[in-house]
């Protein structure tokens, strides 16, 4: 779907006023430092599309070459992103949770690496341009970090907060 189109990239809940769902959504918003529920609903829609594709592939006859290729590409993509582990099969996609998708966001990866004290601070550092990915400034908190890119997430060395976060580096200069 092209950017700037008028269609939403997520689905809203069918029943807007369910106390249990609302409280679990608030807990996820706080835990992952999401700006609003739209970000959560986008991740849920992404997870829903993964499950839909897995169900479609599981329903196909598994002996056709095109189905085997589609399955390998699909699983390879999810493993590269880190949503699935290396040994997981197609059925594992159906048991994924929303947390599996949210853990791969740049905001969460930066927080887990200790580049920020809270997920909200990680989001602020990213939007203000203090976080780099392989030397390139990354300003999108929802960017999905591949497994092999995870070690490349760091604080921009030219950033004014770099000395505060790494005092040893400031002393060594």
C-alpha atoms as a PDB file:
ATOM      1  CA  UNK A   1       0.000   0.000   0.000  1.00  0.00           C
ATOM      2  CA  UNK A   2       1.583   3.314  -1.027  1.00  0.00           C
ATOM      3  CA  UNK A   3       2.243   5.912   1.600  1.00  0.00           C
ATOM      4  CA  UNK A   4      -0.186   8.761   1.548  1.00  0.00           C
ATOM      5  CA  UNK A   5      -3.125   6.602   0.567  1.00  0.00           C
ATOM      6  CA  UNK A   6      -6.392   7.230   2.346  1.00  0.00           C
ATOM      7  CA  UNK A   7      -6.930   3.687   3.600  1.00  0.00           C
ATOM      8  CA  UNK A   8      -6.001   2.710   7.124  1.00  0.00           C
ATOM      9  CA  UNK A   9      -3.258   0.151   7.638  1.00  0.00           C
ATOM     10  CA  UNK A  10      -4.913  -1.331  10.705  1.00  0.00           C
ATOM     11  CA  UNK A  11      -8.265  -2.489  12.012  1.00  0.00           C
ATOM     12  CA  UNK A  12      -9.904  -1.016  15.069  1.00  0.00           C
ATOM     13  CA  UNK A  13     -11.559  -3.293  17.649  1.00  0.00           C
ATOM     14  CA  UNK A  14     -15.094  -4.450  16.847  1.00  0.00           C
ATOM     15  CA  UNK A  15     -16.337  -3.518  20.310  1.00  0.00           C
ATOM     16  CA  UNK A  16     -14.716  -0.240  21.377  1.00  0.00           C
ATOM     17  CA  UNK A  17     -15.727  -0.365  25.052  1.00  0.00           C
ATOM     18  CA  UNK A  18     -14.457  -3.603  26.563  1.00  0.00           C
ATOM     19  CA  UNK A  19     -12.779  -2.919  29.865  1.00  0.00           C
ATOM     20  CA  UNK A  20     -10.507  -5.966  29.828  1.00  0.00           C
ATOM     21  CA  UNK A  21      -9.214  -5.277  26.298  1.00  0.00           C
ATOM     22  CA  UNK A  22      -8.717  -1.591  27.063  1.00  0.00           C
ATOM     23  CA  UNK A  23      -6.688  -2.328  30.190  1.00  0.00           C
ATOM     24  CA  UNK A  24      -4.504  -4.878  28.367  1.00  0.00           C
ATOM     25  CA  UNK A  25      -3.954  -2.340  25.567  1.00  0.00           C
ATOM     26  CA  UNK A  26      -2.913   0.310  28.110  1.00  0.00           C
ATOM     27  CA  UNK A  27      -0.479  -2.142  29.690  1.00  0.00           C
ATOM     28  CA  UNK A  28       1.106  -2.813  26.280  1.00  0.00           C
ATOM     29  CA  UNK A  29       1.246   0.926  25.489  1.00  0.00           C
ATOM     30  CA  UNK A  30       3.126   1.563  28.734  1.00  0.00           C
ATOM     31  CA  UNK A  31       5.394  -1.478  28.445  1.00  0.00           C
ATOM     32  CA  UNK A  32       6.510  -0.722  24.883  1.00  0.00           C
ATOM     33  CA  UNK A  33       6.289   3.087  25.021  1.00  0.00           C
ATOM     34  CA  UNK A  34       3.842   3.333  22.143  1.00  0.00           C
ATOM     35  CA  UNK A  35       2.492   6.767  21.311  1.00  0.00           C
ATOM     36  CA  UNK A  36      -1.131   5.709  20.840  1.00  0.00           C
ATOM     37  CA  UNK A  37      -3.352   2.717  20.261  1.00  0.00           C
ATOM     38  CA  UNK A  38      -3.046   3.108  16.506  1.00  0.00           C
ATOM     39  CA  UNK A  39       0.537   1.829  16.737  1.00  0.00           C
ATOM     40  CA  UNK A  40      -0.671  -1.173  18.724  1.00  0.00           C
ATOM     41  CA  UNK A  41      -3.483  -1.846  16.243  1.00  0.00           C
ATOM     42  CA  UNK A  42      -0.977  -1.683  13.353  1.00  0.00           C
ATOM     43  CA  UNK A  43       1.154  -4.331  15.046  1.00  0.00           C
ATOM     44  CA  UNK A  44      -1.952  -6.452  15.659  1.00  0.00           C
ATOM     45  CA  UNK A  45      -2.914  -6.134  11.994  1.00  0.00           C
ATOM     46  CA  UNK A  46       0.601  -7.150  10.981  1.00  0.00           C
ATOM     47  CA  UNK A  47       0.382 -10.219  13.236  1.00  0.00           C
ATOM     48  CA  UNK A  48      -3.060 -10.997  11.817  1.00  0.00           C
ATOM     49  CA  UNK A  49      -1.655 -10.907   8.275  1.00  0.00           C
ATOM     50  CA  UNK A  50       1.186 -13.269   9.287  1.00  0.00           C
ATOM     51  CA  UNK A  51      -1.326 -15.725  10.710  1.00  0.00           C
ATOM     52  CA  UNK A  52      -3.570 -15.420   7.648  1.00  0.00           C
ATOM     53  CA  UNK A  53      -0.675 -16.156   5.308  1.00  0.00           C
ATOM     54  CA  UNK A  54       0.397 -19.129   7.454  1.00  0.00           C
ATOM     55  CA  UNK A  55      -3.146 -20.545   7.412  1.00  0.00           C
ATOM     56  CA  UNK A  56      -3.309 -20.123   3.629  1.00  0.00           C
ATOM     57  CA  UNK A  57       0.004 -21.937   3.213  1.00  0.00           C
ATOM     58  CA  UNK A  58      -1.006 -24.722   5.608  1.00  0.00           C
ATOM     59  CA  UNK A  59      -4.259 -25.246   3.644  1.00  0.00           C
ATOM     60  CA  UNK A  60      -2.359 -25.753   0.366  1.00  0.00           C
ATOM     61  CA  UNK A  61      -1.061 -29.202  -0.674  1.00  0.00           C
ATOM     62  CA  UNK A  62       2.471 -29.300   0.727  1.00  0.00           C
ATOM     63  CA  UNK A  63       3.937 -31.189  -2.216  1.00  0.00           C
ATOM     64  CA  UNK A  64       3.658 -28.391  -4.809  1.00  0.00           C
ATOM     65  CA  UNK A  65       6.896 -26.562  -5.612  1.00  0.00           C
ATOM     66  CA  UNK A  66       5.296 -23.109  -5.561  1.00  0.00           C
ATOM     67  CA  UNK A  67       3.808 -23.721  -2.092  1.00  0.00           C
ATOM     68  CA  UNK A  68       7.169 -24.952  -0.801  1.00  0.00           C
ATOM     69  CA  UNK A  69       8.912 -21.850  -2.205  1.00  0.00           C
ATOM     70  CA  UNK A  70       6.275 -19.489  -0.760  1.00  0.00           C
ATOM     71  CA  UNK A  71       6.539 -21.215   2.626  1.00  0.00           C
ATOM     72  CA  UNK A  72      10.343 -20.984   2.659  1.00  0.00           C
ATOM     73  CA  UNK A  73      10.244 -17.303   1.675  1.00  0.00           C
ATOM     74  CA  UNK A  74       7.613 -16.523   4.313  1.00  0.00           C
ATOM     75  CA  UNK A  75       9.441 -18.368   7.099  1.00  0.00           C
ATOM     76  CA  UNK A  76      12.766 -16.880   5.982  1.00  0.00           C
ATOM     77  CA  UNK A  77      11.339 -13.370   6.215  1.00  0.00           C
ATOM     78  CA  UNK A  78       9.958 -13.953   9.728  1.00  0.00           C
ATOM     79  CA  UNK A  79      13.225 -15.560  10.887  1.00  0.00           C
ATOM     80  CA  UNK A  80      15.322 -12.733   9.399  1.00  0.00           C
ATOM     81  CA  UNK A  81      13.218 -10.190  11.281  1.00  0.00           C
ATOM     82  CA  UNK A  82      13.475 -12.239  14.478  1.00  0.00           C
ATOM     83  CA  UNK A  83       9.803 -12.971  14.966  1.00  0.00           C
ATOM     84  CA  UNK A  84      10.468 -16.708  14.573  1.00  0.00           C
ATOM     85  CA  UNK A  85      13.464 -18.712  15.786  1.00  0.00           C
ATOM     86  CA  UNK A  86      15.618 -20.707  13.357  1.00  0.00           C
ATOM     87  CA  UNK A  87      14.083 -24.098  14.155  1.00  0.00           C
ATOM     88  CA  UNK A  88      10.444 -22.959  13.999  1.00  0.00           C
ATOM     89  CA  UNK A  89       8.035 -24.377  11.442  1.00  0.00           C
ATOM     90  CA  UNK A  90       4.984 -22.867   9.753  1.00  0.00           C
ATOM     91  CA  UNK A  91       2.634 -23.912  12.581  1.00  0.00           C
ATOM     92  CA  UNK A  92       4.584 -21.744  15.029  1.00  0.00           C
ATOM     93  CA  UNK A  93       3.285 -18.629  13.255  1.00  0.00           C
ATOM     94  CA  UNK A  94      -0.219 -19.387  14.522  1.00  0.00           C
ATOM     95  CA  UNK A  95       0.961 -19.280  18.146  1.00  0.00           C
ATOM     96  CA  UNK A  96       2.721 -15.899  17.861  1.00  0.00           C
ATOM     97  CA  UNK A  97       1.670 -13.138  20.245  1.00  0.00           C
ATOM     98  CA  UNK A  98       1.570  -9.368  19.783  1.00  0.00           C
ATOM     99  CA  UNK A  99       4.659  -9.053  21.997  1.00  0.00           C
ATOM    100  CA  UNK A 100       6.685 -11.010  19.407  1.00  0.00           C
ATOM    101  CA  UNK A 101       5.972  -8.282  16.858  1.00  0.00           C
ATOM    102  CA  UNK A 102       6.467  -5.355  19.278  1.00  0.00           C
ATOM    103  CA  UNK A 103       9.852  -6.694  20.464  1.00  0.00           C
ATOM    104  CA  UNK A 104      11.314  -6.189  16.971  1.00  0.00           C
ATOM    105  CA  UNK A 105      10.622  -2.436  16.819  1.00  0.00           C
ATOM    106  CA  UNK A 106      13.682  -0.161  16.859  1.00  0.00           C
ATOM    107  CA  UNK A 107      12.281   1.579  19.926  1.00  0.00           C
ATOM    108  CA  UNK A 108      12.184  -1.675  21.900  1.00  0.00           C
ATOM    109  CA  UNK A 109      15.566  -2.879  20.621  1.00  0.00           C
ATOM    110  CA  UNK A 110      17.215   0.416  21.640  1.00  0.00           C
ATOM    111  CA  UNK A 111      15.644   0.182  25.103  1.00  0.00           C
ATOM    112  CA  UNK A 112      16.638  -3.480  25.566  1.00  0.00           C
ATOM    113  CA  UNK A 113      20.225  -2.642  24.576  1.00  0.00           C
ATOM    114  CA  UNK A 114      20.368  -0.072  27.383  1.00  0.00           C
ATOM    115  CA  UNK A 115      20.586   2.980  25.131  1.00  0.00           C
ATOM    116  CA  UNK A 116      17.682   4.550  27.039  1.00  0.00           C
ATOM    117  CA  UNK A 117      16.282   4.226  30.534  1.00  0.00           C
ATOM    118  CA  UNK A 118      12.653   3.782  29.451  1.00  0.00           C
ATOM    119  CA  UNK A 119      10.900   2.787  26.204  1.00  0.00           C
ATOM    120  CA  UNK A 120       9.479   6.314  26.059  1.00  0.00           C
ATOM    121  CA  UNK A 121      12.984   7.777  26.277  1.00  0.00           C
ATOM    122  CA  UNK A 122      14.127   5.392  23.536  1.00  0.00           C
ATOM    123  CA  UNK A 123      11.320   6.720  21.345  1.00  0.00           C
ATOM    124  CA  UNK A 124      12.386  10.298  22.054  1.00  0.00           C
ATOM    125  CA  UNK A 125      16.044   9.538  21.259  1.00  0.00           C
ATOM    126  CA  UNK A 126      15.012   7.958  17.953  1.00  0.00           C
ATOM    127  CA  UNK A 127      12.710  10.770  16.852  1.00  0.00           C
ATOM    128  CA  UNK A 128      15.319  13.374  17.815  1.00  0.00           C
ATOM    129  CA  UNK A 129      17.956  11.589  15.756  1.00  0.00           C
ATOM    130  CA  UNK A 130      20.250  10.301  18.508  1.00  0.00           C
ATOM    131  CA  UNK A 131      20.008   6.621  17.491  1.00  0.00           C
ATOM    132  CA  UNK A 132      21.840   5.242  14.465  1.00  0.00           C
ATOM    133  CA  UNK A 133      21.527   1.918  12.695  1.00  0.00           C
ATOM    134  CA  UNK A 134      24.771   0.897  10.985  1.00  0.00           C
ATOM    135  CA  UNK A 135      25.933   4.518  11.123  1.00  0.00           C
ATOM    136  CA  UNK A 136      22.737   5.833   9.501  1.00  0.00           C
ATOM    137  CA  UNK A 137      20.421   8.020  11.578  1.00  0.00           C
ATOM    138  CA  UNK A 138      17.087   6.267  12.016  1.00  0.00           C
ATOM    139  CA  UNK A 139      14.090   8.412  13.033  1.00  0.00           C
ATOM    140  CA  UNK A 140      11.263   5.873  12.834  1.00  0.00           C
ATOM    141  CA  UNK A 141      10.532   4.167  16.188  1.00  0.00           C
ATOM    142  CA  UNK A 142       8.412   1.482  14.511  1.00  0.00           C
ATOM    143  CA  UNK A 143      11.232   0.418  12.145  1.00  0.00           C
ATOM    144  CA  UNK A 144      11.472  -3.385  12.268  1.00  0.00           C
ATOM    145  CA  UNK A 145      15.059  -4.364  13.131  1.00  0.00           C
ATOM    146  CA  UNK A 146      16.430  -7.502  11.468  1.00  0.00           C
ATOM    147  CA  UNK A 147      18.335  -9.945  13.676  1.00  0.00           C
ATOM    148  CA  UNK A 148      21.637  -9.207  11.908  1.00  0.00           C
ATOM    149  CA  UNK A 149      21.073  -5.430  12.315  1.00  0.00           C
ATOM    150  CA  UNK A 150      20.487  -5.640  16.062  1.00  0.00           C
ATOM    151  CA  UNK A 151      24.177  -5.234  16.977  1.00  0.00           C
ATOM    152  CA  UNK A 152      24.398  -2.165  14.706  1.00  0.00           C
ATOM    153  CA  UNK A 153      21.928  -0.107  16.781  1.00  0.00           C
ATOM    154  CA  UNK A 154      23.826   2.497  18.802  1.00  0.00           C
ATOM    155  CA  UNK A 155      23.897   6.123  19.934  1.00  0.00           C
ATOM    156  CA  UNK A 156      25.153   8.560  17.299  1.00  0.00           C
ATOM    157  CA  UNK A 157      28.721   9.427  18.321  1.00  0.00           C
ATOM    158  CA  UNK A 158      28.153  13.066  17.313  1.00  0.00           C
ATOM    159  CA  UNK A 159      25.032  13.314  19.441  1.00  0.00           C
ATOM    160  CA  UNK A 160      25.152  15.605  22.498  1.00  0.00           C
ATOM    161  CA  UNK A 161      23.755  12.788  24.659  1.00  0.00           C
ATOM    162  CA  UNK A 162      26.526  10.353  23.654  1.00  0.00           C
ATOM    163  CA  UNK A 163      28.899  11.697  26.337  1.00  0.00           C
ATOM    164  CA  UNK A 164      26.200  11.473  29.015  1.00  0.00           C
ATOM    165  CA  UNK A 165      25.421   7.844  28.187  1.00  0.00           C
ATOM    166  CA  UNK A 166      29.045   6.776  27.755  1.00  0.00           C
ATOM    167  CA  UNK A 167      31.153   8.787  30.266  1.00  0.00           C
ATOM    168  CA  UNK A 168      34.201   6.566  29.685  1.00  0.00           C
ATOM    169  CA  UNK A 169      34.183   7.503  26.023  1.00  0.00           C
ATOM    170  CA  UNK A 170      34.028  11.204  26.932  1.00  0.00           C
ATOM    171  CA  UNK A 171      37.036  10.860  29.286  1.00  0.00           C
ATOM    172  CA  UNK A 172      39.085   8.998  26.695  1.00  0.00           C
ATOM    173  CA  UNK A 173      38.851  11.792  24.133  1.00  0.00           C
END
